[in-house]
Amino acid sequence: MAKKHRILIIDDNMDTVVGLKTYLGKKYHVLTAYNGRDGIRAFDKNENRIHLVITDLVLPDIIGSYLVSVIKKKAPEKPVIAMTGWGHHPEELETNPKADSLLEKPFEMDELDQAIGKFLS
């Protein structure tokens, strides 16, 4: 399969990033960032080449909903999949621009594939 789509993964958990990059790297070009500020920098540097963003909502330096709102303000057409281990729908997503999809950790890789498939064909 040709790797034509580029995905940016933003998460402060190295195991999560490595696992997602290994899994998604079989089908997509994958960029990574380990905090919100680096995620925004990576997005800005590669905005025209990024097709989808996957981000954790709990990051050490930026609230995830703020990160989603920054990306959506810069590129509202770019799909954002948010991940959370909070176990409930974070209240902050109700007042800020919402991610296009929300996955609760832990999730199965087929759930992630389905979420990505809605946006990248």
Foldseek 3Di string as FASTA:
>chain_A
DDAQAEEEEEAQDPVVVVVCCVVCVVRYHYHYYNALVVSVVVCVVQVVRHQEYEYEQDGDPDGNLVSVQVNCVVPVLRAYEYEYQPPDDDPVCVVGPHGPHYHYPPDDVVVVVVVVVVRPD
